[in-house]
Amino acid sequence: MKLNSTGTLYEHTSTGTIYSYNTPIYKESTLSSGRILKVFNDTYYSTTTRKHQSNLWGYRTQSDIIFHYCPYGEWSLDTAFKNEITMTECELEKLQNKTRKLGKRQAEQLEQLQNKLQELQQLYAEV
């Protein structure tokens, strides 16, 4: 089903996956436990795709996880998790290797990244 007149934003009705230019920006996957994992792809590709993502804000707020580092085109849940975990680890490493004492905002960011990494690893174990 097309969601806009140009056909660049559409939903694959049998899977419920929503695509922007053949790249999934929302999908649901069944985990090994049988639980449905709702995933939103917030990776920046173009202005048009950003508009599509913005139009689907309700899907974003209801998602279990939001990815920021998905490759362009069709991607697997495995790839998305690996990218997100790797990039989160890189961001954590940058903060942990600061030569100066962390400021309040950086300390909060460090804690958020540590929590995010733990959550990602737990969910990835279920994939």
N, C-alpha and C. Protein backbone atom coordinates (compact mmCIF):
# COMPACT_ATOMS: atom_id res chain seq x y z
N MET A 1 0.85 -1.17 0.00
CA MET A 1 0.00 0.00 0.00
C MET A 1 0.90 1.24 0.00
N LYS A 2 0.65 2.16 -0.93
CA LYS A 2 1.41 3.40 -1.00
C LYS A 2 0.89 4.38 0.04
N LEU A 3 1.82 5.07 0.70
CA LEU A 3 1.44 6.02 1.73
C LEU A 3 1.61 7.47 1.27
N ASN A 4 2.14 7.67 0.07
CA ASN A 4 2.22 9.02 -0.49
C ASN A 4 2.10 8.94 -2.00
N SER A 5 1.95 10.07 -2.64
CA SER A 5 1.66 10.08 -4.07
C SER A 5 2.85 9.66 -4.93
N THR A 6 4.07 9.88 -4.47
CA THR A 6 5.23 9.52 -5.28
C THR A 6 5.58 8.05 -5.18
N GLY A 7 5.03 7.35 -4.22
CA GLY A 7 5.30 5.93 -4.08
C GLY A 7 6.61 5.63 -3.39
N THR A 8 7.29 6.62 -2.86
CA THR A 8 8.56 6.38 -2.19
C THR A 8 8.39 5.95 -0.74
N LEU A 9 7.22 6.15 -0.19
CA LEU A 9 6.89 5.68 1.15
C LEU A 9 5.74 4.69 1.01
N TYR A 10 6.00 3.44 1.37
CA TYR A 10 4.95 2.44 1.22
C TYR A 10 5.08 1.36 2.28
N GLU A 11 3.97 0.66 2.48
CA GLU A 11 3.92 -0.42 3.46
C GLU A 11 3.78 -1.75 2.73
N HIS A 12 4.61 -2.70 3.10
CA HIS A 12 4.48 -4.06 2.60
C HIS A 12 3.43 -4.72 3.49
N THR A 13 2.22 -4.88 2.97
CA THR A 13 1.08 -5.27 3.80
C THR A 13 1.22 -6.64 4.46
N SER A 14 1.87 -7.60 3.82
CA SER A 14 1.96 -8.93 4.44
C SER A 14 2.93 -8.95 5.62
N THR A 15 3.93 -8.09 5.64
CA THR A 15 4.89 -8.08 6.75
C THR A 15 4.68 -6.89 7.68
N GLY A 16 3.97 -5.87 7.23
CA GLY A 16 3.78 -4.67 8.05
C GLY A 16 5.00 -3.77 8.06
N THR A 17 5.98 -4.06 7.22
CA THR A 17 7.19 -3.24 7.14
C THR A 17 6.91 -2.00 6.31
N ILE A 18 7.35 -0.85 6.79
CA ILE A 18 7.17 0.41 6.07
C ILE A 18 8.52 0.82 5.51
N TYR A 19 8.50 1.12 4.22
CA TYR A 19 9.73 1.44 3.49
C TYR A 19 9.73 2.89 3.02
N SER A 20 10.92 3.46 2.99
CA SER A 20 11.18 4.72 2.32
C SER A 20 12.30 4.43 1.33
N TYR A 21 12.00 4.58 0.04
CA TYR A 21 12.99 4.27 -1.00
C TYR A 21 13.62 2.88 -0.80
N ASN A 22 12.82 1.88 -0.58
CA ASN A 22 13.25 0.48 -0.43
C ASN A 22 14.13 0.23 0.79
N THR A 23 14.12 1.14 1.74
CA THR A 23 14.83 0.95 3.01
C THR A 23 13.79 0.90 4.12
N PRO A 24 13.77 -0.17 4.91
CA PRO A 24 12.81 -0.24 6.00
C PRO A 24 13.03 0.87 7.03
N ILE A 25 11.96 1.58 7.35
CA ILE A 25 12.07 2.56 8.43
C ILE A 25 11.21 2.14 9.63
N TYR A 26 10.38 1.12 9.45
CA TYR A 26 9.67 0.50 10.56
C TYR A 26 9.42 -0.96 10.21
N LYS A 27 9.73 -1.82 11.16
CA LYS A 27 9.40 -3.23 10.93
C LYS A 27 9.17 -3.93 12.26
N GLU A 28 8.43 -5.00 12.17
CA GLU A 28 8.18 -5.84 13.34
C GLU A 28 8.80 -7.20 13.08
N SER A 29 9.49 -7.71 14.09
CA SER A 29 10.15 -9.01 13.98
C SER A 29 9.79 -9.86 15.18
N THR A 30 9.66 -11.15 14.95
CA THR A 30 9.35 -12.08 16.03
C THR A 30 10.66 -12.60 16.61
N LEU A 31 10.81 -12.45 17.92
CA LEU A 31 12.00 -12.93 18.61
C LEU A 31 11.88 -14.41 18.93
N SER A 32 12.98 -15.01 19.36
CA SER A 32 12.98 -16.45 19.67
C SER A 32 11.98 -16.78 20.77
N SER A 33 11.69 -15.81 21.64
CA SER A 33 10.73 -16.02 22.73
C SER A 33 9.29 -15.94 22.23
N GLY A 34 9.10 -15.53 20.96
CA GLY A 34 7.76 -15.38 20.42
C GLY A 34 7.24 -13.95 20.53
N ARG A 35 7.96 -13.13 21.25
CA ARG A 35 7.59 -11.72 21.43
C ARG A 35 7.83 -10.96 20.13
N ILE A 36 6.94 -10.01 19.84
CA ILE A 36 7.08 -9.16 18.66
C ILE A 36 7.93 -7.94 19.05
N LEU A 37 9.01 -7.72 18.32
CA LEU A 37 9.89 -6.58 18.55
C LEU A 37 9.57 -5.52 17.50
N LYS A 38 9.17 -4.33 17.95
CA LYS A 38 8.87 -3.22 17.06
C LYS A 38 10.11 -2.35 16.93
N VAL A 39 10.57 -2.18 15.67
CA VAL A 39 11.83 -1.50 15.40
C VAL A 39 11.58 -0.28 14.51
N PHE A 40 12.16 0.84 14.90
CA PHE A 40 12.10 2.05 14.09
C PHE A 40 13.51 2.43 13.67
N ASN A 41 13.68 2.70 12.39
CA ASN A 41 14.98 3.08 11.83
C ASN A 41 15.01 4.60 11.69
N ASP A 42 15.81 5.25 12.53
CA ASP A 42 15.91 6.71 12.52
C ASP A 42 17.20 7.20 11.86
N THR A 43 17.84 6.32 11.09
CA THR A 43 19.08 6.68 10.40
C THR A 43 18.78 7.77 9.37
N TYR A 44 19.67 8.75 9.27
CA TYR A 44 19.50 9.82 8.28
C TYR A 44 20.06 9.37 6.93
N TYR A 45 19.22 9.41 5.89
CA TYR A 45 19.65 9.10 4.53
C TYR A 45 19.48 10.31 3.61
N SER A 46 18.34 10.99 3.73
CA SER A 46 18.03 12.13 2.87
C SER A 46 16.95 12.96 3.53
N THR A 47 16.73 14.14 2.97
CA THR A 47 15.67 15.01 3.49
C THR A 47 14.30 14.36 3.33
N THR A 48 14.08 13.71 2.20
CA THR A 48 12.78 13.07 1.96
C THR A 48 12.55 11.93 2.95
N THR A 49 13.55 11.10 3.15
CA THR A 49 13.39 10.00 4.11
C THR A 49 13.18 10.54 5.52
N ARG A 50 13.85 11.62 5.86
CA ARG A 50 13.65 12.24 7.18
C ARG A 50 12.20 12.69 7.32
N LYS A 51 11.61 13.22 6.24
CA LYS A 51 10.19 13.61 6.27
C LYS A 51 9.30 12.38 6.47
N HIS A 52 9.65 11.29 5.78
CA HIS A 52 8.88 10.05 5.96
C HIS A 52 8.96 9.58 7.41
N GLN A 53 10.16 9.62 7.98
CA GLN A 53 10.34 9.21 9.38
C GLN A 53 9.52 10.10 10.30
N SER A 54 9.52 11.38 10.00
CA SER A 54 8.76 12.34 10.81
C SER A 54 7.26 12.06 10.72
N ASN A 55 6.79 11.71 9.52
CA ASN A 55 5.37 11.39 9.33
C ASN A 55 4.96 10.15 10.12
N LEU A 56 5.92 9.31 10.43
CA LEU A 56 5.64 8.06 11.15
C LEU A 56 6.02 8.17 12.63
N TRP A 57 5.95 9.37 13.18
CA TRP A 57 6.36 9.60 14.56
C TRP A 57 5.63 8.68 15.54
N GLY A 58 4.38 8.39 15.29
CA GLY A 58 3.62 7.50 16.17
C GLY A 58 4.24 6.10 16.22
N TYR A 59 4.75 5.62 15.10
CA TYR A 59 5.43 4.32 15.08
C TYR A 59 6.71 4.40 15.91
N ARG A 60 7.41 5.52 15.80
CA ARG A 60 8.66 5.71 16.54
C ARG A 60 8.40 5.63 18.05
N THR A 61 7.37 6.34 18.50
CA THR A 61 7.10 6.39 19.94
C THR A 61 6.61 5.05 20.49
N GLN A 62 6.05 4.19 19.63
CA GLN A 62 5.56 2.89 20.08
C GLN A 62 6.59 1.77 19.89
N SER A 63 7.75 2.11 19.34
CA SER A 63 8.76 1.09 19.05
C SER A 63 9.49 0.66 20.32
N ASP A 64 9.93 -0.59 20.30
CA ASP A 64 10.72 -1.12 21.41
C ASP A 64 12.17 -0.63 21.33
N ILE A 65 12.63 -0.42 20.10
CA ILE A 65 14.01 0.01 19.90
C ILE A 65 14.08 0.93 18.69
N ILE A 66 14.96 1.91 18.78
CA ILE A 66 15.18 2.86 17.68
C ILE A 66 16.63 2.73 17.25
N PHE A 67 16.82 2.40 15.98
CA PHE A 67 18.17 2.28 15.43
C PHE A 67 18.57 3.58 14.75
N HIS A 68 19.85 3.92 14.86
CA HIS A 68 20.39 5.14 14.26
C HIS A 68 21.48 4.86 13.23
N TYR A 69 21.83 3.58 13.02
CA TYR A 69 22.96 3.23 12.16
C TYR A 69 22.65 2.07 11.21
N CYS A 70 21.48 2.09 10.59
CA CYS A 70 21.13 1.03 9.64
C CYS A 70 21.68 1.36 8.25
N PRO A 71 22.12 0.34 7.52
CA PRO A 71 22.59 0.60 6.16
C PRO A 71 21.42 0.93 5.24
N TYR A 72 21.72 1.61 4.14
CA TYR A 72 20.71 1.93 3.14
C TYR A 72 20.27 0.65 2.45
N GLY A 73 19.02 0.55 2.10
CA GLY A 73 18.50 -0.65 1.44
C GLY A 73 17.99 -1.63 2.47
N GLU A 74 17.69 -2.82 2.02
CA GLU A 74 17.15 -3.86 2.90
C GLU A 74 18.22 -4.26 3.92
N TRP A 75 17.85 -4.33 5.19
CA TRP A 75 18.78 -4.73 6.24
C TRP A 75 18.12 -5.74 7.15
N SER A 76 18.94 -6.59 7.73
CA SER A 76 18.42 -7.60 8.66
C SER A 76 18.49 -7.07 10.08
N LEU A 77 17.72 -7.65 10.94
CA LEU A 77 17.73 -7.29 12.35
C LEU A 77 19.12 -7.54 12.95
N ASP A 78 19.75 -8.62 12.51
CA ASP A 78 21.10 -8.95 12.97
C ASP A 78 22.08 -7.83 12.63
N THR A 79 22.06 -7.37 11.38
CA THR A 79 22.94 -6.29 10.94
C THR A 79 22.66 -5.01 11.71
N ALA A 80 21.40 -4.68 11.88
CA ALA A 80 21.03 -3.45 12.59
C ALA A 80 21.54 -3.47 14.03
N PHE A 81 21.37 -4.60 14.70
CA PHE A 81 21.86 -4.71 16.08
C PHE A 81 23.38 -4.61 16.13
N LYS A 82 24.08 -5.30 15.24
CA LYS A 82 25.54 -5.24 15.24
C LYS A 82 26.04 -3.82 15.01
N ASN A 83 25.44 -3.11 14.05
CA ASN A 83 25.83 -1.72 13.78
C ASN A 83 25.58 -0.84 15.00
N GLU A 84 24.41 -0.98 15.58
CA GLU A 84 24.03 -0.13 16.72
C GLU A 84 24.93 -0.40 17.92
N ILE A 85 25.22 -1.67 18.18
CA ILE A 85 26.09 -2.02 19.31
C ILE A 85 27.49 -1.48 19.08
N THR A 86 28.03 -1.67 17.88
CA THR A 86 29.38 -1.20 17.57
C THR A 86 29.48 0.31 17.72
N MET A 87 28.53 1.04 17.16
CA MET A 87 28.58 2.51 17.23
C MET A 87 28.38 3.02 18.66
N THR A 88 27.54 2.35 19.43
CA THR A 88 27.34 2.74 20.83
C THR A 88 28.63 2.50 21.61
N GLU A 89 29.31 1.38 21.35
CA GLU A 89 30.59 1.11 21.99
C GLU A 89 31.62 2.17 21.64
N CYS A 90 31.63 2.61 20.38
CA CYS A 90 32.56 3.67 19.94
C CYS A 90 32.29 4.98 20.67
N GLU A 91 31.03 5.35 20.79
CA GLU A 91 30.66 6.58 21.49
C GLU A 91 31.06 6.49 22.97
N LEU A 92 30.83 5.31 23.56
CA LEU A 92 31.22 5.10 24.96
C LEU A 92 32.73 5.23 25.14
N GLU A 93 33.46 4.62 24.24
CA GLU A 93 34.92 4.65 24.31
C GLU A 93 35.45 6.07 24.22
N LYS A 94 34.86 6.88 23.36
CA LYS A 94 35.29 8.28 23.24
C LYS A 94 35.13 9.01 24.57
N LEU A 95 33.99 8.80 25.22
CA LEU A 95 33.75 9.47 26.50
C LEU A 95 34.66 8.93 27.60
N GLN A 96 34.87 7.63 27.61
CA GLN A 96 35.70 7.02 28.65
C GLN A 96 37.17 7.38 28.50
N ASN A 97 37.59 7.73 27.29
CA ASN A 97 39.00 8.05 27.04
C ASN A 97 39.29 9.55 27.10
N LYS A 98 38.33 10.33 27.57
CA LYS A 98 38.56 11.76 27.72
C LYS A 98 39.67 11.99 28.74
N THR A 99 40.57 12.91 28.43
CA THR A 99 41.68 13.17 29.35
C THR A 99 41.24 14.06 30.52
N ARG A 100 40.24 14.87 30.28
CA ARG A 100 39.72 15.72 31.36
C ARG A 100 38.54 15.04 32.03
N LYS A 101 38.24 15.54 33.22
CA LYS A 101 37.07 15.05 33.94
C LYS A 101 35.81 15.38 33.13
N LEU A 102 34.86 14.46 33.13
CA LEU A 102 33.62 14.67 32.38
C LEU A 102 32.76 15.72 33.08
N GLY A 103 32.14 16.56 32.26
CA GLY A 103 31.16 17.51 32.78
C GLY A 103 29.86 16.79 33.10
N LYS A 104 28.93 17.51 33.69
CA LYS A 104 27.65 16.92 34.09
C LYS A 104 26.92 16.29 32.90
N ARG A 105 26.85 17.04 31.79
CA ARG A 105 26.14 16.53 30.61
C ARG A 105 26.83 15.30 30.03
N GLN A 106 28.16 15.32 29.99
CA GLN A 106 28.90 14.17 29.47
C GLN A 106 28.75 12.95 30.39
N ALA A 107 28.72 13.18 31.69
CA ALA A 107 28.53 12.08 32.65
C ALA A 107 27.14 11.45 32.46
N GLU A 108 26.14 12.30 32.22
CA GLU A 108 24.79 11.79 31.96
C GLU A 108 24.76 11.01 30.65
N GLN A 109 25.44 11.54 29.63
CA GLN A 109 25.50 10.86 28.33
C GLN A 109 26.19 9.51 28.48
N LEU A 110 27.26 9.45 29.26
CA LEU A 110 27.97 8.19 29.51
C LEU A 110 27.04 7.16 30.13
N GLU A 111 26.28 7.58 31.13
CA GLU A 111 25.34 6.67 31.79
C GLU A 111 24.26 6.19 30.81
N GLN A 112 23.74 7.12 29.99
CA GLN A 112 22.72 6.75 29.01
C GLN A 112 23.27 5.75 28.00
N LEU A 113 24.50 5.96 27.55
CA LEU A 113 25.11 5.05 26.58
C LEU A 113 25.34 3.67 27.20
N GLN A 114 25.75 3.64 28.46
CA GLN A 114 25.95 2.35 29.13
C GLN A 114 24.63 1.60 29.25
N ASN A 115 23.56 2.31 29.59
CA ASN A 115 22.24 1.69 29.69
C ASN A 115 21.75 1.22 28.32
N LYS A 116 21.98 2.05 27.30
CA LYS A 116 21.59 1.69 25.93
C LYS A 116 22.31 0.44 25.47
N LEU A 117 23.62 0.37 25.73
CA LEU A 117 24.40 -0.79 25.32
C LEU A 117 23.90 -2.05 26.01
N GLN A 118 23.61 -1.95 27.28
CA GLN A 118 23.09 -3.11 28.02
C GLN A 118 21.75 -3.57 27.44
N GLU A 119 20.87 -2.62 27.14
CA GLU A 119 19.57 -2.95 26.56
C GLU A 119 19.73 -3.60 25.18
N LEU A 120 20.61 -3.03 24.36
CA LEU A 120 20.87 -3.59 23.02
C LEU A 120 21.37 -5.02 23.12
N GLN A 121 22.30 -5.26 24.00
CA GLN A 121 22.87 -6.60 24.15
C GLN A 121 21.85 -7.61 24.63
N GLN A 122 20.97 -7.18 25.54
CA GLN A 122 19.92 -8.07 26.03
C GLN A 122 18.94 -8.42 24.91
N LEU A 123 18.51 -7.42 24.16
CA LEU A 123 17.58 -7.67 23.05
C LEU A 123 18.24 -8.52 21.96
N TYR A 124 19.50 -8.23 21.66
CA TYR A 124 20.21 -8.97 20.63
C TYR A 124 20.33 -10.44 20.99
N ALA A 125 20.46 -10.73 22.25
CA ALA A 125 20.54 -12.13 22.71
C ALA A 125 19.24 -12.89 22.40
N GLU A 126 18.14 -12.16 22.29
CA GLU A 126 16.83 -12.78 22.01
C GLU A 126 16.57 -12.97 20.52
N VAL A 127 17.38 -12.33 19.67
CA VAL A 127 17.14 -12.35 18.22
C VAL A 127 17.40 -13.72 17.65
